[in-house]
PDB file of N, CA and C in Angstrom:
ATOM      1  N   MET A   1      -9.429 -19.841  21.822  1.00  0.00           N
ATOM      2  CA  MET A   1      -9.683 -19.393  20.737  1.00  0.00           C
ATOM      3  C   MET A   1      -9.485 -20.482  19.517  1.00  0.00           C
ATOM      4  N   THR A   2     -10.454 -20.510  18.660  1.00  0.00           N
ATOM      5  CA  THR A   2     -10.223 -21.495  17.563  1.00  0.00           C
ATOM      6  C   THR A   2      -9.670 -20.881  16.298  1.00  0.00           C
ATOM      7  N   SER A   3      -8.741 -21.522  15.666  1.00  0.00           N
ATOM      8  CA  SER A   3      -8.114 -20.834  14.563  1.00  0.00           C
ATOM      9  C   SER A   3      -8.904 -21.193  13.233  1.00  0.00           C
ATOM     10  N   THR A   4      -9.101 -20.412  12.436  1.00  0.00           N
ATOM     11  CA  THR A   4      -9.823 -20.792  11.288  1.00  0.00           C
ATOM     12  C   THR A   4      -8.995 -20.039  10.005  1.00  0.00           C
ATOM     13  N   ILE A   5      -9.129 -20.733   8.803  1.00  0.00           N
ATOM     14  CA  ILE A   5      -8.861 -20.258   7.579  1.00  0.00           C
ATOM     15  C   ILE A   5     -10.061 -19.859   6.960  1.00  0.00           C
ATOM     16  N   GLU A   6      -9.751 -18.686   6.307  1.00  0.00           N
ATOM     17  CA  GLU A   6     -10.829 -17.985   5.592  1.00  0.00           C
ATOM     18  C   GLU A   6     -10.720 -17.999   4.100  1.00  0.00           C
ATOM     19  N   ALA A   7     -11.432 -18.252   3.352  1.00  0.00           N
ATOM     20  CA  ALA A   7     -11.144 -17.991   1.901  1.00  0.00           C
ATOM     21  C   ALA A   7     -11.552 -16.443   1.526  1.00  0.00           C
ATOM     22  N   PRO A   8     -10.748 -15.766   0.806  1.00  0.00           N
ATOM     23  CA  PRO A   8     -11.149 -14.570   0.518  1.00  0.00           C
ATOM     24  C   PRO A   8     -12.508 -14.253  -0.178  1.00  0.00           C
ATOM     25  N   THR A   9     -13.204 -13.288   0.087  1.00  0.00           N
ATOM     26  CA  THR A   9     -14.454 -12.808  -0.232  1.00  0.00           C
ATOM     27  C   THR A   9     -14.347 -12.465  -1.713  1.00  0.00           C
ATOM     28  N   GLN A  10     -15.513 -13.336  -2.524  1.00  0.00           N
ATOM     29  CA  GLN A  10     -15.706 -12.865  -3.995  1.00  0.00           C
ATOM     30  C   GLN A  10     -14.443 -12.943  -4.874  1.00  0.00           C
ATOM     31  N   THR A  11     -13.847 -11.757  -4.861  1.00  0.00           N
ATOM     32  CA  THR A  11     -12.628 -11.464  -5.466  1.00  0.00           C
ATOM     33  C   THR A  11     -11.335 -11.649  -4.714  1.00  0.00           C
ATOM     34  N   ASN A  12     -10.084 -12.218  -5.346  1.00  0.00           N
ATOM     35  CA  ASN A  12      -8.966 -12.186  -4.795  1.00  0.00           C
ATOM     36  C   ASN A  12      -7.970 -11.080  -4.977  1.00  0.00           C
ATOM     37  N   ASP A  13      -8.419 -10.349  -5.843  1.00  0.00           N
ATOM     38  CA  ASP A  13      -7.534  -8.956  -6.070  1.00  0.00           C
ATOM     39  C   ASP A  13      -7.228  -8.047  -5.060  1.00  0.00           C
ATOM     40  N   VAL A  14      -6.290  -7.688  -4.669  1.00  0.00           N
ATOM     41  CA  VAL A  14      -5.861  -6.770  -3.580  1.00  0.00           C
ATOM     42  C   VAL A  14      -4.892  -5.760  -4.019  1.00  0.00           C
ATOM     43  N   GLN A  15      -4.911  -4.672  -3.508  1.00  0.00           N
ATOM     44  CA  GLN A  15      -3.879  -3.485  -3.626  1.00  0.00           C
ATOM     45  C   GLN A  15      -2.992  -3.702  -2.478  1.00  0.00           C
ATOM     46  N   VAL A  16      -1.492  -3.825  -2.899  1.00  0.00           N
ATOM     47  CA  VAL A  16      -0.437  -3.800  -2.040  1.00  0.00           C
ATOM     48  C   VAL A  16       0.383  -2.804  -2.158  1.00  0.00           C
ATOM     49  N   ARG A  17       0.687  -2.020  -0.978  1.00  0.00           N
ATOM     50  CA  ARG A  17       1.685  -1.016  -0.842  1.00  0.00           C
ATOM     51  C   ARG A  17       3.177  -1.614  -0.545  1.00  0.00           C
ATOM     52  N   THR A  18       4.150  -1.295  -1.222  1.00  0.00           N
ATOM     53  CA  THR A  18       5.463  -1.964  -0.897  1.00  0.00           C
ATOM     54  C   THR A  18       6.564  -0.878  -0.762  1.00  0.00           C
ATOM     55  N   ASP A  19       7.604  -1.418   0.134  1.00  0.00           N
ATOM     56  CA  ASP A  19       8.783  -0.672   0.375  1.00  0.00           C
ATOM     57  C   ASP A  19       9.424  -0.620  -0.994  1.00  0.00           C
ATOM     58  N   PRO A  20      10.539   0.156  -1.181  1.00  0.00           N
ATOM     59  CA  PRO A  20      11.530   0.012  -2.375  1.00  0.00           C
ATOM     60  C   PRO A  20      12.147  -1.317  -2.798  1.00  0.00           C
ATOM     61  N   ALA A  21      12.081  -2.274  -1.765  1.00  0.00           N
ATOM     62  CA  ALA A  21      12.893  -3.526  -1.972  1.00  0.00           C
ATOM     63  C   ALA A  21      11.708  -4.608  -2.452  1.00  0.00           C
ATOM     64  N   GLY A  22      10.235  -4.061  -2.442  1.00  0.00           N
ATOM     65  CA  GLY A  22       9.327  -5.051  -2.680  1.00  0.00           C
ATOM     66  C   GLY A  22       8.529  -5.618  -1.452  1.00  0.00           C
ATOM     67  N   LYS A  23       9.051  -5.394  -0.438  1.00  0.00           N
ATOM     68  CA  LYS A  23       8.239  -5.828   0.678  1.00  0.00           C
ATOM     69  C   LYS A  23       6.971  -5.346   1.010  1.00  0.00           C
ATOM     70  N   PRO A  24       5.865  -6.168   1.305  1.00  0.00           N
ATOM     71  CA  PRO A  24       4.550  -5.231   1.461  1.00  0.00           C
ATOM     72  C   PRO A  24       4.734  -4.710   2.923  1.00  0.00           C
ATOM     73  N   LEU A  25       3.864  -3.517   2.694  1.00  0.00           N
ATOM     74  CA  LEU A  25       3.766  -2.670   3.923  1.00  0.00           C
ATOM     75  C   LEU A  25       2.252  -2.516   4.436  1.00  0.00           C
ATOM     76  N   ALA A  26       1.561  -2.420   3.461  1.00  0.00           N
ATOM     77  CA  ALA A  26      -0.109  -2.349   3.629  1.00  0.00           C
ATOM     78  C   ALA A  26      -0.671  -2.998   2.439  1.00  0.00           C
ATOM     79  N   ILE A  27      -1.968  -3.798   2.941  1.00  0.00           N
ATOM     80  CA  ILE A  27      -2.798  -4.295   1.874  1.00  0.00           C
ATOM     81  C   ILE A  27      -4.214  -3.731   1.885  1.00  0.00           C
ATOM     82  N   ARG A  28      -4.750  -3.489   0.808  1.00  0.00           N
ATOM     83  CA  ARG A  28      -6.327  -3.027   0.678  1.00  0.00           C
ATOM     84  C   ARG A  28      -7.145  -4.180   0.468  1.00  0.00           C
ATOM     85  N   HIS A  29      -7.918  -4.717   1.178  1.00  0.00           N
ATOM     86  CA  HIS A  29      -8.532  -5.809   1.094  1.00  0.00           C
ATOM     87  C   HIS A  29      -9.983  -5.591   1.672  1.00  0.00           C
ATOM     88  N   ASP A  30     -11.119  -5.846   1.061  1.00  0.00           N
ATOM     89  CA  ASP A  30     -12.371  -5.883   1.418  1.00  0.00           C
ATOM     90  C   ASP A  30     -12.754  -4.483   2.199  1.00  0.00           C
ATOM     91  N   GLY A  31     -12.502  -3.364   1.359  1.00  0.00           N
ATOM     92  CA  GLY A  31     -12.846  -2.001   2.078  1.00  0.00           C
ATOM     93  C   GLY A  31     -11.951  -1.680   3.100  1.00  0.00           C
ATOM     94  N   ARG A  32     -10.822  -2.245   3.653  1.00  0.00           N
ATOM     95  CA  ARG A  32     -10.232  -1.807   4.640  1.00  0.00           C
ATOM     96  C   ARG A  32      -8.656  -1.891   4.332  1.00  0.00           C
ATOM     97  N   ILE A  33      -7.786  -1.117   5.221  1.00  0.00           N
ATOM     98  CA  ILE A  33      -6.333  -1.226   5.036  1.00  0.00           C
ATOM     99  C   ILE A  33      -5.870  -2.103   6.136  1.00  0.00           C
ATOM    100  N   TRP A  34      -5.003  -2.966   5.466  1.00  0.00           N
ATOM    101  CA  TRP A  34      -4.449  -3.948   6.751  1.00  0.00           C
ATOM    102  C   TRP A  34      -2.907  -3.574   6.753  1.00  0.00           C
ATOM    103  N   LEU A  35      -2.439  -3.133   7.825  1.00  0.00           N
ATOM    104  CA  LEU A  35      -0.923  -2.820   7.944  1.00  0.00           C
ATOM    105  C   LEU A  35      -0.137  -3.859   8.495  1.00  0.00           C
ATOM    106  N   VAL A  36       0.992  -4.142   7.681  1.00  0.00           N
ATOM    107  CA  VAL A  36       1.784  -5.189   8.070  1.00  0.00           C
ATOM    108  C   VAL A  36       2.495  -4.856   9.323  1.00  0.00           C
ATOM    109  N   ASP A  37       2.465  -5.857  10.335  1.00  0.00           N
ATOM    110  CA  ASP A  37       2.999  -5.621  11.462  1.00  0.00           C
ATOM    111  C   ASP A  37       4.616  -5.530  11.527  1.00  0.00           C
ATOM    112  N   PRO A  38       5.158  -4.547  11.691  1.00  0.00           N
ATOM    113  CA  PRO A  38       6.535  -4.343  11.610  1.00  0.00           C
ATOM    114  C   PRO A  38       7.629  -5.068  12.626  1.00  0.00           C
ATOM    115  N   ASP A  39       6.894  -5.605  13.524  1.00  0.00           N
ATOM    116  CA  ASP A  39       7.458  -6.247  14.801  1.00  0.00           C
ATOM    117  C   ASP A  39       7.477  -7.940  14.389  1.00  0.00           C
ATOM    118  N   THR A  40       6.848  -8.281  13.318  1.00  0.00           N
ATOM    119  CA  THR A  40       6.845  -9.610  12.758  1.00  0.00           C
ATOM    120  C   THR A  40       7.505 -10.000  11.661  1.00  0.00           C
ATOM    121  N   GLU A  41       8.109 -11.075  11.321  1.00  0.00           N
ATOM    122  CA  GLU A  41       8.989 -11.528  10.418  1.00  0.00           C
ATOM    123  C   GLU A  41       8.004 -11.838   9.205  1.00  0.00           C
ATOM    124  N   SER A  42       8.122 -11.083   8.050  1.00  0.00           N
ATOM    125  CA  SER A  42       7.454 -11.688   6.785  1.00  0.00           C
ATOM    126  C   SER A  42       8.191 -12.791   6.223  1.00  0.00           C
ATOM    127  N   GLN A  43       7.534 -13.704   5.633  1.00  0.00           N
ATOM    128  CA  GLN A  43       8.168 -14.908   4.530  1.00  0.00           C
ATOM    129  C   GLN A  43       8.000 -14.520   3.167  1.00  0.00           C
ATOM    130  N   HIS A  44       8.957 -14.654   2.611  1.00  0.00           N
ATOM    131  CA  HIS A  44       8.981 -14.465   0.900  1.00  0.00           C
ATOM    132  C   HIS A  44       9.732 -15.511   0.203  1.00  0.00           C
ATOM    133  N   TRP A  45       9.086 -16.213  -0.702  1.00  0.00           N
ATOM    134  CA  TRP A  45       9.582 -17.170  -1.573  1.00  0.00           C
ATOM    135  C   TRP A  45       8.863 -17.151  -2.906  1.00  0.00           C
ATOM    136  N   PHE A  46       9.623 -18.051  -3.899  1.00  0.00           N
ATOM    137  CA  PHE A  46       8.767 -18.229  -5.139  1.00  0.00           C
ATOM    138  C   PHE A  46       8.451 -19.657  -5.437  1.00  0.00           C
ATOM    139  N   GLY A  47       7.567 -19.779  -6.077  1.00  0.00           N
ATOM    140  CA  GLY A  47       7.171 -21.096  -6.429  1.00  0.00           C
ATOM    141  C   GLY A  47       7.160 -21.174  -8.269  1.00  0.00           C
ATOM    142  N   ARG A  48       6.881 -22.389  -8.681  1.00  0.00           N
ATOM    143  CA  ARG A  48       7.094 -22.388 -10.054  1.00  0.00           C
ATOM    144  C   ARG A  48       5.552 -22.567 -10.574  1.00  0.00           C
ATOM    145  N   ASP A  49       5.251 -21.908 -11.796  1.00  0.00           N
ATOM    146  CA  ASP A  49       3.950 -22.122 -12.452  1.00  0.00           C
ATOM    147  C   ASP A  49       4.024 -23.333 -13.277  1.00  0.00           C
ATOM    148  N   ALA A  50       3.147 -24.082 -13.368  1.00  0.00           N
ATOM    149  CA  ALA A  50       2.937 -25.416 -14.214  1.00  0.00           C
ATOM    150  C   ALA A  50       2.641 -24.821 -15.639  1.00  0.00           C
ATOM    151  N   TRP A  51       3.594 -24.208 -16.233  1.00  0.00           N
ATOM    152  CA  TRP A  51       3.287 -23.805 -17.732  1.00  0.00           C
ATOM    153  C   TRP A  51       3.117 -24.748 -18.809  1.00  0.00           C
ATOM    154  N   TRP A  52       3.341 -25.977 -18.226  1.00  0.00           N
ATOM    155  CA  TRP A  52       3.216 -27.058 -19.391  1.00  0.00           C
ATOM    156  C   TRP A  52       1.499 -27.319 -19.424  1.00  0.00           C
ATOM    157  N   ASP A  53       0.665 -27.007 -18.313  1.00  0.00           N
ATOM    158  CA  ASP A  53      -0.570 -27.009 -18.209  1.00  0.00           C
ATOM    159  C   ASP A  53      -1.446 -25.980 -18.714  1.00  0.00           C
ATOM    160  N   THR A  54      -0.906 -24.700 -18.573  1.00  0.00           N
ATOM    161  CA  THR A  54      -1.440 -23.457 -19.216  1.00  0.00           C
ATOM    162  C   THR A  54      -1.544 -23.261 -20.553  1.00  0.00           C
ATOM    163  N   ARG A  55      -0.520 -23.746 -21.099  1.00  0.00           N
ATOM    164  CA  ARG A  55      -0.454 -23.834 -22.578  1.00  0.00           C
ATOM    165  C   ARG A  55      -0.073 -22.355 -22.956  1.00  0.00           C
ATOM    166  N   ARG A  56       0.570 -21.631 -22.275  1.00  0.00           N
ATOM    167  CA  ARG A  56       0.801 -20.197 -22.470  1.00  0.00           C
ATOM    168  C   ARG A  56       2.171 -20.236 -23.301  1.00  0.00           C
ATOM    169  N   THR A  57       2.075 -19.270 -24.273  1.00  0.00           N
ATOM    170  CA  THR A  57       3.434 -18.885 -25.079  1.00  0.00           C
ATOM    171  C   THR A  57       3.837 -17.435 -25.117  1.00  0.00           C
ATOM    172  N   ALA A  58       4.900 -17.327 -25.286  1.00  0.00           N
ATOM    173  CA  ALA A  58       5.530 -15.836 -25.168  1.00  0.00           C
ATOM    174  C   ALA A  58       6.610 -15.761 -26.154  1.00  0.00           C
ATOM    175  N   ALA A  59       6.582 -14.704 -26.567  1.00  0.00           N
ATOM    176  CA  ALA A  59       8.031 -14.509 -27.650  1.00  0.00           C
ATOM    177  C   ALA A  59       8.916 -14.440 -26.672  1.00  0.00           C
ATOM    178  N   VAL A  60      10.371 -14.847 -27.390  1.00  0.00           N
ATOM    179  CA  VAL A  60      11.515 -15.007 -26.801  1.00  0.00           C
ATOM    180  C   VAL A  60      11.869 -13.551 -26.176  1.00  0.00           C
ATOM    181  N   GLY A  61      12.442 -13.671 -24.938  1.00  0.00           N
ATOM    182  CA  GLY A  61      12.762 -12.225 -24.515  1.00  0.00           C
ATOM    183  C   GLY A  61      11.511 -11.688 -23.512  1.00  0.00           C
ATOM    184  N   SER A  62      10.563 -12.441 -23.435  1.00  0.00           N
ATOM    185  CA  SER A  62       9.311 -11.856 -22.716  1.00  0.00           C
ATOM    186  C   SER A  62       9.725 -11.871 -21.290  1.00  0.00           C
ATOM    187  N   GLY A  63      10.592 -12.595 -20.591  1.00  0.00           N
ATOM    188  CA  GLY A  63      10.832 -12.430 -19.175  1.00  0.00           C
ATOM    189  C   GLY A  63      10.576 -13.875 -18.611  1.00  0.00           C
ATOM    190  N   ASP A  64      10.504 -13.694 -17.103  1.00  0.00           N
ATOM    191  CA  ASP A  64      10.295 -14.910 -16.432  1.00  0.00           C
ATOM    192  C   ASP A  64       8.752 -15.319 -16.392  1.00  0.00           C
ATOM    193  N   LEU A  65       8.474 -16.405 -16.961  1.00  0.00           N
ATOM    194  CA  LEU A  65       6.982 -16.871 -17.241  1.00  0.00           C
ATOM    195  C   LEU A  65       6.517 -17.765 -16.244  1.00  0.00           C
ATOM    196  N   VAL A  66       7.531 -18.176 -15.394  1.00  0.00           N
ATOM    197  CA  VAL A  66       7.130 -19.344 -14.358  1.00  0.00           C
ATOM    198  C   VAL A  66       7.239 -19.077 -13.041  1.00  0.00           C
ATOM    199  N   SER A  67       7.868 -18.112 -12.465  1.00  0.00           N
ATOM    200  CA  SER A  67       8.154 -17.881 -11.282  1.00  0.00           C
ATOM    201  C   SER A  67       6.985 -17.111 -10.609  1.00  0.00           C
ATOM    202  N   ILE A  68       6.334 -17.635  -9.504  1.00  0.00           N
ATOM    203  CA  ILE A  68       5.270 -17.092  -8.865  1.00  0.00           C
ATOM    204  C   ILE A  68       5.747 -16.491  -7.509  1.00  0.00           C
ATOM    205  N   GLU A  69       5.499 -15.434  -7.209  1.00  0.00           N
ATOM    206  CA  GLU A  69       6.084 -14.845  -6.183  1.00  0.00           C
ATOM    207  C   GLU A  69       4.916 -14.803  -4.963  1.00  0.00           C
ATOM    208  N   PHE A  70       5.421 -15.164  -3.683  1.00  0.00           N
ATOM    209  CA  PHE A  70       4.797 -15.222  -2.544  1.00  0.00           C
ATOM    210  C   PHE A  70       5.057 -14.472  -1.419  1.00  0.00           C
ATOM    211  N   TRP A  71       4.176 -13.901  -0.688  1.00  0.00           N
ATOM    212  CA  TRP A  71       4.566 -13.218   0.739  1.00  0.00           C
ATOM    213  C   TRP A  71       3.710 -13.795   1.612  1.00  0.00           C
ATOM    214  N   ARG A  72       4.044 -14.100   2.964  1.00  0.00           N
ATOM    215  CA  ARG A  72       3.099 -14.300   3.986  1.00  0.00           C
ATOM    216  C   ARG A  72       3.514 -13.516   5.096  1.00  0.00           C
ATOM    217  N   VAL A  73       2.435 -12.369   5.556  1.00  0.00           N
ATOM    218  CA  VAL A  73       2.661 -11.472   6.330  1.00  0.00           C
ATOM    219  C   VAL A  73       1.646 -11.302   7.392  1.00  0.00           C
ATOM    220  N   GLN A  74       1.905 -10.805   8.494  1.00  0.00           N
ATOM    221  CA  GLN A  74       1.094 -10.626   9.720  1.00  0.00           C
ATOM    222  C   GLN A  74       0.612  -9.123   9.534  1.00  0.00           C
ATOM    223  N   VAL A  75      -0.728  -8.990   9.618  1.00  0.00           N
ATOM    224  CA  VAL A  75      -1.365  -7.811   9.369  1.00  0.00           C
ATOM    225  C   VAL A  75      -2.368  -7.448  10.454  1.00  0.00           C
ATOM    226  N   ARG A  76      -2.830  -6.261  10.529  1.00  0.00           N
ATOM    227  CA  ARG A  76      -4.106  -5.711  11.294  1.00  0.00           C
ATOM    228  C   ARG A  76      -4.441  -4.358  10.857  1.00  0.00           C
ATOM    229  N   PRO A  77      -5.902  -4.202  10.959  1.00  0.00           N
ATOM    230  CA  PRO A  77      -6.278  -2.945  10.503  1.00  0.00           C
ATOM    231  C   PRO A  77      -6.096  -1.966  11.394  1.00  0.00           C
ATOM    232  N   ASP A  78      -5.691  -2.012  12.763  1.00  0.00           N
ATOM    233  CA  ASP A  78      -5.344  -1.099  13.848  1.00  0.00           C
ATOM    234  C   ASP A  78      -4.673  -1.679  14.922  1.00  0.00           C
ATOM    235  N   ALA A  79      -4.142  -0.824  15.737  1.00  0.00           N
ATOM    236  CA  ALA A  79      -3.262  -1.279  16.900  1.00  0.00           C
ATOM    237  C   ALA A  79      -3.773  -2.181  17.820  1.00  0.00           C
ATOM    238  N   ARG A  80      -5.195  -2.006  18.030  1.00  0.00           N
ATOM    239  CA  ARG A  80      -6.067  -2.830  19.206  1.00  0.00           C
ATOM    240  C   ARG A  80      -6.427  -4.274  18.567  1.00  0.00           C
ATOM    241  N   SER A  81      -6.528  -4.574  17.423  1.00  0.00           N
ATOM    242  CA  SER A  81      -7.018  -5.618  16.564  1.00  0.00           C
ATOM    243  C   SER A  81      -5.834  -6.963  16.608  1.00  0.00           C
ATOM    244  N   ALA A  82      -6.505  -8.045  16.541  1.00  0.00           N
ATOM    245  CA  ALA A  82      -5.401  -9.185  16.697  1.00  0.00           C
ATOM    246  C   ALA A  82      -4.849  -9.238  15.224  1.00  0.00           C
ATOM    247  N   LEU A  83      -3.779  -9.739  15.215  1.00  0.00           N
ATOM    248  CA  LEU A  83      -2.943 -10.084  13.901  1.00  0.00           C
ATOM    249  C   LEU A  83      -3.664 -11.362  13.403  1.00  0.00           C
ATOM    250  N   ARG A  84      -3.564 -11.098  11.907  1.00  0.00           N
ATOM    251  CA  ARG A  84      -4.096 -12.236  11.009  1.00  0.00           C
ATOM    252  C   ARG A  84      -2.920 -12.378  10.121  1.00  0.00           C
ATOM    253  N   THR A  85      -2.916 -13.546   9.243  1.00  0.00           N
ATOM    254  CA  THR A  85      -1.924 -13.843   8.388  1.00  0.00           C
ATOM    255  C   THR A  85      -2.688 -13.809   7.091  1.00  0.00           C
ATOM    256  N   PHE A  86      -1.885 -13.076   6.235  1.00  0.00           N
ATOM    257  CA  PHE A  86      -2.250 -12.844   4.743  1.00  0.00           C
ATOM    258  C   PHE A  86      -1.129 -13.658   3.858  1.00  0.00           C
ATOM    259  N   THR A  87      -1.575 -14.428   2.976  1.00  0.00           N
ATOM    260  CA  THR A  87      -0.905 -15.101   2.097  1.00  0.00           C
ATOM    261  C   THR A  87      -0.948 -14.475   0.735  1.00  0.00           C
ATOM    262  N   LEU A  88      -0.021 -13.810   0.101  1.00  0.00           N
ATOM    263  CA  LEU A  88      -0.189 -13.148  -1.021  1.00  0.00           C
ATOM    264  C   LEU A  88       0.391 -13.660  -2.102  1.00  0.00           C
ATOM    265  N   ARG A  89      -0.048 -13.752  -3.591  1.00  0.00           N
ATOM    266  CA  ARG A  89       0.597 -14.140  -4.593  1.00  0.00           C
ATOM    267  C   ARG A  89       0.353 -13.373  -5.580  1.00  0.00           C
ATOM    268  N   ARG A  90       1.564 -13.415  -6.641  1.00  0.00           N
ATOM    269  CA  ARG A  90       1.674 -12.584  -7.622  1.00  0.00           C
ATOM    270  C   ARG A  90       1.998 -13.485  -8.835  1.00  0.00           C
ATOM    271  N   GLU A  91       1.201 -13.531  -9.911  1.00  0.00           N
ATOM    272  CA  GLU A  91       1.428 -14.578 -11.075  1.00  0.00           C
ATOM    273  C   GLU A  91       2.672 -13.784 -11.711  1.00  0.00           C
ATOM    274  N   PRO A  92       3.371 -14.708 -12.736  1.00  0.00           N
ATOM    275  CA  PRO A  92       4.530 -14.353 -13.602  1.00  0.00           C
ATOM    276  C   PRO A  92       4.077 -12.929 -14.510  1.00  0.00           C
ATOM    277  N   LEU A  93       4.921 -12.206 -14.551  1.00  0.00           N
ATOM    278  CA  LEU A  93       4.762 -11.003 -15.356  1.00  0.00           C
ATOM    279  C   LEU A  93       3.385  -9.955 -15.093  1.00  0.00           C
ATOM    280  N   SER A  94       2.961 -10.404 -13.802  1.00  0.00           N
ATOM    281  CA  SER A  94       1.688  -9.503 -13.353  1.00  0.00           C
ATOM    282  C   SER A  94       2.131  -8.556 -12.282  1.00  0.00           C
ATOM    283  N   THR A  95       1.363  -7.270 -12.468  1.00  0.00           N
ATOM    284  CA  THR A  95       1.422  -6.302 -11.288  1.00  0.00           C
ATOM    285  C   THR A  95       0.396  -6.415 -10.382  1.00  0.00           C
ATOM    286  N   GLN A  96      -0.534  -7.301 -10.457  1.00  0.00           N
ATOM    287  CA  GLN A  96      -1.597  -7.552  -9.711  1.00  0.00           C
ATOM    288  C   GLN A  96      -1.253  -8.571  -8.615  1.00  0.00           C
ATOM    289  N   TRP A  97      -1.577  -8.261  -7.160  1.00  0.00           N
ATOM    290  CA  TRP A  97      -1.544  -9.221  -6.254  1.00  0.00           C
ATOM    291  C   TRP A  97      -2.871  -9.889  -6.115  1.00  0.00           C
ATOM    292  N   LEU A  98      -2.831 -11.177  -5.522  1.00  0.00           N
ATOM    293  CA  LEU A  98      -3.885 -11.873  -5.361  1.00  0.00           C
ATOM    294  C   LEU A  98      -3.790 -12.511  -3.825  1.00  0.00           C
ATOM    295  N   LEU A  99      -4.885 -12.541  -3.110  1.00  0.00           N
ATOM    296  CA  LEU A  99      -4.967 -12.946  -1.710  1.00  0.00           C
ATOM    297  C   LEU A  99      -5.114 -14.558  -1.851  1.00  0.00           C
ATOM    298  N   GLU A 100      -4.203 -15.085  -1.321  1.00  0.00           N
ATOM    299  CA  GLU A 100      -4.387 -16.649  -1.478  1.00  0.00           C
ATOM    300  C   GLU A 100      -5.162 -17.151  -0.319  1.00  0.00           C
ATOM    301  N   ASN A 101      -4.910 -16.635   0.899  1.00  0.00           N
ATOM    302  CA  ASN A 101      -5.701 -17.226   2.087  1.00  0.00           C
ATOM    303  C   ASN A 101      -5.329 -16.087   3.142  1.00  0.00           C
ATOM    304  N   ILE A 102      -6.173 -16.225   4.277  1.00  0.00           N
ATOM    305  CA  ILE A 102      -6.557 -15.631   5.502  1.00  0.00           C
ATOM    306  C   ILE A 102      -6.366 -16.508   6.614  1.00  0.00           C
ATOM    307  N   SER A 103      -5.677 -16.448   7.489  1.00  0.00           N
ATOM    308  CA  SER A 103      -5.662 -17.167   8.741  1.00  0.00           C
ATOM    309  C   SER A 103      -5.426 -16.382  10.005  1.00  0.00           C
ATOM    310  N   ASP A 104      -5.684 -16.814  11.172  1.00  0.00           N
ATOM    311  CA  ASP A 104      -5.315 -16.427  12.355  1.00  0.00           C
ATOM    312  C   ASP A 104      -3.777 -16.453  12.430  1.00  0.00           C
ATOM    313  N   ALA A 105      -3.205 -15.525  13.057  1.00  0.00           N
ATOM    314  CA  ALA A 105      -1.739 -15.336  13.356  1.00  0.00           C
ATOM    315  C   ALA A 105      -1.363 -16.471  14.033  1.00  0.00           C
ATOM    316  N   ASP A 106      -1.660 -17.088  15.056  1.00  0.00           N
ATOM    317  CA  ASP A 106      -1.439 -18.115  15.945  1.00  0.00           C
ATOM    318  C   ASP A 106      -1.224 -19.400  15.055  1.00  0.00           C
ATOM    319  N   GLU A 107      -2.095 -19.629  14.096  1.00  0.00           N
ATOM    320  CA  GLU A 107      -2.162 -20.807  13.385  1.00  0.00           C
ATOM    321  C   GLU A 107      -1.033 -21.080  12.550  1.00  0.00           C
ATOM    322  N   SER A 108      -0.601 -19.748  11.961  1.00  0.00           N
ATOM    323  CA  SER A 108       0.505 -19.802  10.724  1.00  0.00           C
ATOM    324  C   SER A 108       1.909 -19.814  11.625  1.00  0.00           C
ATOM    325  N   THR A 109       1.948 -19.349  12.726  1.00  0.00           N
ATOM    326  CA  THR A 109       3.314 -19.275  13.450  1.00  0.00           C
ATOM    327  C   THR A 109       3.461 -20.628  14.324  1.00  0.00           C
ATOM    328  N   GLY A 110       2.460 -21.506  14.563  1.00  0.00           N
ATOM    329  CA  GLY A 110       2.438 -22.666  15.279  1.00  0.00           C
ATOM    330  C   GLY A 110       2.249 -22.399  16.862  1.00  0.00           C
ATOM    331  N   ASN A 111       1.914 -21.117  17.053  1.00  0.00           N
ATOM    332  CA  ASN A 111       1.744 -20.806  18.396  1.00  0.00           C
ATOM    333  C   ASN A 111       0.403 -21.069  18.909  1.00  0.00           C
TER     334      ASN A 111
END
């Protein structure tokens, strides 16, 4: 099987259902519900926005304006489908999730 990375279609906006701790459980993308596989390890990290390039300004006390949240999760639309890897991103102070990329599960795990 050949591994491929797909760019998300048209819009990157996705809806993400999370548990109380903020871990993604399901993602609505391209008219389908993708369930996060509970038997795989999700990756979670934060990156930093290049605020000096965006020229964004905010009032004192506005909150964290530079931390970009990322999750890499293994998903499938049903139990018979192959696992895919979704990388999700959420910009500082945003409630909207963006789909950064989609890849085959084997490619992201190195298997």
